[in-house]
Protein backbone atom coordinates (compact mmCIF):
# COMPACT_ATOMS: atom_id res chain seq x y z
CA UNK A 1 14.02 22.30 -4.50
CA UNK A 2 15.17 19.26 -6.44
CA UNK A 3 16.37 17.40 -3.35
CA UNK A 4 13.18 15.34 -3.22
CA UNK A 5 13.50 14.54 -6.93
CA UNK A 6 17.07 13.35 -6.40
CA UNK A 7 15.91 11.19 -3.50
CA UNK A 8 13.18 9.72 -5.69
CA UNK A 9 15.69 9.08 -8.48
CA UNK A 10 18.04 7.29 -6.05
CA UNK A 11 15.14 5.19 -4.75
CA UNK A 12 14.18 4.35 -8.34
CA UNK A 13 17.72 3.24 -9.12
CA UNK A 14 18.06 1.15 -5.95
CA UNK A 15 14.71 -0.54 -6.59
CA UNK A 16 15.69 -1.34 -10.17
CA UNK A 17 19.05 -2.82 -9.14
CA UNK A 18 17.51 -4.84 -6.32
CA UNK A 19 14.82 -6.34 -8.53
CA UNK A 20 17.30 -7.07 -11.31
CA UNK A 21 19.69 -8.80 -8.88
CA UNK A 22 16.86 -10.87 -7.40
CA UNK A 23 15.62 -12.04 -10.77
CA UNK A 24 19.15 -12.81 -12.02
CA UNK A 25 19.79 -14.84 -8.88
CA UNK A 26 16.55 -16.77 -9.35
CA UNK A 27 17.51 -17.47 -12.96
CA UNK A 28 20.52 -19.46 -11.74
CA UNK A 29 18.23 -21.84 -9.91
CA UNK A 30 16.96 -24.97 -11.73
CA UNK A 31 13.55 -23.61 -12.59
CA UNK A 32 12.00 -22.91 -15.98
CA UNK A 33 8.91 -21.13 -14.66
CA UNK A 34 10.50 -17.68 -14.31
CA UNK A 35 10.38 -15.31 -17.26
CA UNK A 36 10.42 -11.51 -17.26
CA UNK A 37 11.57 -8.54 -19.30
CA UNK A 38 13.25 -5.66 -17.44
CA UNK A 39 14.24 -2.25 -18.77
CA UNK A 40 15.97 0.86 -17.44
CA UNK A 41 15.50 3.87 -19.71
CA UNK A 42 16.17 7.56 -20.11
CA UNK A 43 12.87 9.39 -20.62
CA UNK A 44 11.82 12.81 -21.82
CA UNK A 45 8.27 14.19 -21.86
CA UNK A 46 6.94 16.99 -24.05
CA UNK A 47 4.49 18.89 -21.85
CA UNK A 48 2.86 22.32 -21.92
CA UNK A 49 1.75 25.10 -19.59
CA UNK A 50 -2.04 25.03 -19.44
CA UNK A 51 -2.67 28.77 -19.62
CA UNK A 52 -0.48 29.35 -22.70
CA UNK A 53 -1.30 28.41 -26.33
CA UNK A 54 1.83 26.28 -26.45
CA UNK A 55 4.17 27.08 -23.56
CA UNK A 56 5.84 23.75 -24.30
CA UNK A 57 8.69 22.38 -22.20
CA UNK A 58 10.57 19.12 -21.83
CA UNK A 59 10.84 17.04 -18.67
CA UNK A 60 13.91 14.82 -18.23
CA UNK A 61 14.28 11.71 -16.13
CA UNK A 62 14.38 7.93 -16.08
CA UNK A 63 12.17 4.90 -15.71
CA UNK A 64 12.22 1.25 -14.73
CA UNK A 65 9.71 -1.26 -16.04
CA UNK A 66 9.12 -4.97 -15.78
CA UNK A 67 6.84 -7.25 -17.79
CA UNK A 68 5.83 -10.84 -17.08
CA UNK A 69 4.23 -13.04 -19.78
CA UNK A 70 0.90 -14.68 -18.95
CA UNK A 71 -0.33 -16.38 -22.12
CA UNK A 72 1.48 -16.38 -25.44
CA UNK A 73 2.27 -12.71 -26.21
CA UNK A 74 -0.06 -11.30 -23.56
CA UNK A 75 1.43 -10.26 -20.24
CA UNK A 76 1.35 -7.79 -17.37
CA UNK A 77 3.68 -4.77 -17.18
CA UNK A 78 4.51 -2.18 -14.53
CA UNK A 79 6.35 1.11 -14.98
CA UNK A 80 7.90 3.59 -12.53
CA UNK A 81 9.06 6.93 -13.94
CA UNK A 82 10.62 9.99 -12.28
CA UNK A 83 11.13 13.27 -14.15
CA UNK A 84 12.03 16.92 -13.50
CA UNK A 85 11.96 20.23 -15.35
CA UNK A 86 13.48 23.48 -14.07
CA UNK A 87 11.91 26.92 -14.57
CA UNK A 88 8.91 25.98 -16.69
CA UNK A 89 7.94 29.55 -15.87
CA UNK A 90 10.13 32.03 -13.95
CA UNK A 91 10.70 30.61 -10.48
CA UNK A 92 8.50 27.53 -11.00
CA UNK A 93 9.90 23.99 -11.33
CA UNK A 94 8.10 20.69 -11.71
CA UNK A 95 8.93 17.14 -10.60
CA UNK A 96 6.79 14.04 -11.05
CA UNK A 97 6.90 10.41 -9.97
CA UNK A 98 4.49 8.09 -11.80
CA UNK A 99 3.60 4.44 -11.27
CA UNK A 100 1.31 2.55 -13.63
CA UNK A 101 0.54 -1.08 -14.44
CA UNK A 102 -1.60 -2.98 -16.92
CA UNK A 103 -1.68 -5.36 -19.89
CA UNK A 104 1.12 -5.57 -22.47
CA UNK A 105 1.15 -7.52 -25.72
CA UNK A 106 4.52 -8.48 -27.20
CA UNK A 107 5.29 -9.85 -30.65
CA UNK A 108 8.78 -11.35 -31.02
CA UNK A 109 10.86 -12.55 -33.93
CA UNK A 110 14.08 -14.54 -33.56
CA UNK A 111 16.86 -14.94 -36.13
CA UNK A 112 20.35 -16.43 -36.17
CA UNK A 113 23.20 -13.96 -36.62
CA UNK A 114 25.61 -14.41 -39.53
CA UNK A 115 28.83 -13.55 -37.69
CA UNK A 116 28.15 -15.76 -34.67
CA UNK A 117 26.14 -18.77 -35.90
CA UNK A 118 25.12 -19.89 -32.41
CA UNK A 119 23.90 -16.45 -31.35
CA UNK A 120 20.15 -15.84 -31.61
CA UNK A 121 18.97 -12.24 -31.86
CA UNK A 122 15.35 -11.43 -31.04
CA UNK A 123 13.43 -8.27 -31.87
CA UNK A 124 10.32 -7.62 -29.81
CA UNK A 125 7.59 -5.08 -30.54
CA UNK A 126 5.16 -4.36 -27.72
CA UNK A 127 2.06 -2.30 -27.05
CA UNK A 128 0.56 -1.57 -23.65
CA UNK A 129 -2.15 0.23 -21.71
CA UNK A 130 -1.11 1.15 -18.16
CA UNK A 131 -3.11 2.79 -15.38
CA UNK A 132 -1.97 4.18 -12.04
CA UNK A 133 -1.17 7.35 -10.16
CA UNK A 134 1.22 10.28 -10.38
CA UNK A 135 2.76 12.39 -7.62
CA UNK A 136 3.70 15.96 -8.51
CA UNK A 137 6.01 18.00 -6.27
CA UNK A 138 8.35 21.00 -6.25
CA UNK A 139 5.74 22.79 -8.37
CA UNK A 140 2.59 24.91 -8.15
CA UNK A 141 -0.79 23.14 -8.10
CA UNK A 142 -4.19 24.75 -7.65
CA UNK A 143 -6.61 23.85 -4.87
CA UNK A 144 -10.02 25.12 -3.80
CA UNK A 145 -8.31 27.29 -1.19
CA UNK A 146 -5.22 28.44 -3.12
CA UNK A 147 -2.06 26.64 -4.22
CA UNK A 148 0.28 23.96 -2.88
CA UNK A 149 3.61 22.55 -4.02
CA UNK A 150 2.64 18.85 -4.19
CA UNK A 151 -0.38 16.76 -5.15
CA UNK A 152 -1.50 13.40 -6.49
CA UNK A 153 -3.40 12.53 -9.65
CA UNK A 154 -4.62 9.65 -11.75
CA UNK A 155 -2.36 8.61 -14.62
CA UNK A 156 -2.76 6.65 -17.86
CA UNK A 157 -0.05 5.57 -20.28
CA UNK A 158 -0.71 4.17 -23.77
CA UNK A 159 2.01 3.28 -26.24
CA UNK A 160 4.68 0.80 -27.14
CA UNK A 161 8.24 0.23 -28.17
CA UNK A 162 10.89 -1.97 -29.76
CA UNK A 163 13.40 -4.14 -27.87
CA UNK A 164 16.43 -5.70 -29.56
CA UNK A 165 18.26 -8.47 -27.71
CA UNK A 166 22.05 -8.70 -27.93
CA UNK A 167 23.59 -11.46 -25.81
CA UNK A 168 23.39 -13.14 -22.42
CA UNK A 169 19.92 -11.72 -21.86
CA UNK A 170 20.95 -8.09 -22.38
CA UNK A 171 19.62 -5.83 -25.11
CA UNK A 172 18.52 -2.31 -25.93
CA UNK A 173 15.19 -0.54 -26.02
CA UNK A 174 15.66 1.10 -29.39
CA UNK A 175 12.64 3.38 -28.98
CA UNK A 176 9.51 3.74 -26.89
CA UNK A 177 6.72 6.23 -27.56
CA UNK A 178 3.89 6.80 -25.09
CA UNK A 179 0.90 9.07 -24.66
CA UNK A 180 0.72 9.97 -20.97
CA UNK A 181 -2.39 11.58 -19.48
CA UNK A 182 -2.63 12.94 -15.94
CA UNK A 183 -5.17 15.13 -14.15
CA UNK A 184 -3.13 17.47 -11.97
CA UNK A 185 -5.10 20.60 -11.07
CA UNK A 186 -3.66 23.49 -13.09
CA UNK A 187 -6.08 26.46 -13.01
CA UNK A 188 -7.52 25.35 -16.38
CA UNK A 189 -8.66 21.97 -17.73
CA UNK A 190 -6.96 19.97 -14.95
CA UNK A 191 -5.66 17.50 -17.54
CA UNK A 192 -2.22 17.02 -19.10
CA UNK A 193 -1.58 15.26 -22.41
CA UNK A 194 2.12 14.52 -22.80
CA UNK A 195 4.29 12.69 -25.32
CA UNK A 196 6.96 10.51 -23.72
CA UNK A 197 10.05 9.23 -25.53
CA UNK A 198 12.34 6.63 -23.97
CA UNK A 199 15.49 4.68 -24.86
CA UNK A 200 17.59 2.42 -22.69
CA UNK A 201 18.83 -1.07 -21.86
CA UNK A 202 16.91 -4.28 -21.30
CA UNK A 203 17.48 -7.62 -19.61
CA UNK A 204 15.51 -10.81 -20.14
CA UNK A 205 15.20 -13.35 -17.36
CA UNK A 206 14.37 -16.98 -18.14
CA UNK A 207 13.46 -18.71 -21.39
CA UNK A 208 11.65 -16.86 -24.16
């Protein structure tokens, strides 16, 4: 049942590597117009079963996001996330693939490190509001005529995080917290309100 999720995860990884390689290659060219922040993260979502008071469960997966500055701290970001949870109820799994894009505002501070005087370390705090779509599969979704194992829904993601640069463009996403809302049909309110937590690695392309 998780074959499709694994395929989606592989596609996510290949896409992330391809985009990272392309941007790194462009960075070597004599151009100062390119600037972007990339991140690959481990994600976990706290979700719940609609027909139970709590019925909470955790989805596990990964994400890739890219942000391009437009004016000062304001930019545009895009996020692709794939997650899976096994046996949320007996015999029922759930996999999701979500893509969303929208505005991101980033505030950065730069300081010189004590141990390596020529090394600058930047800490960036960002907030964003992303909108897109989610694909649910390997699960049970209600329809007007019964149930099916896959469906699509609108998705919204509001939140932010902290990036800490290390050296040569690489850094870490120390923490990211997001509120994720989707409207998969679920025999009840047809809305899901999840808390997403993410940590991972980052790479900055171009000048800050």
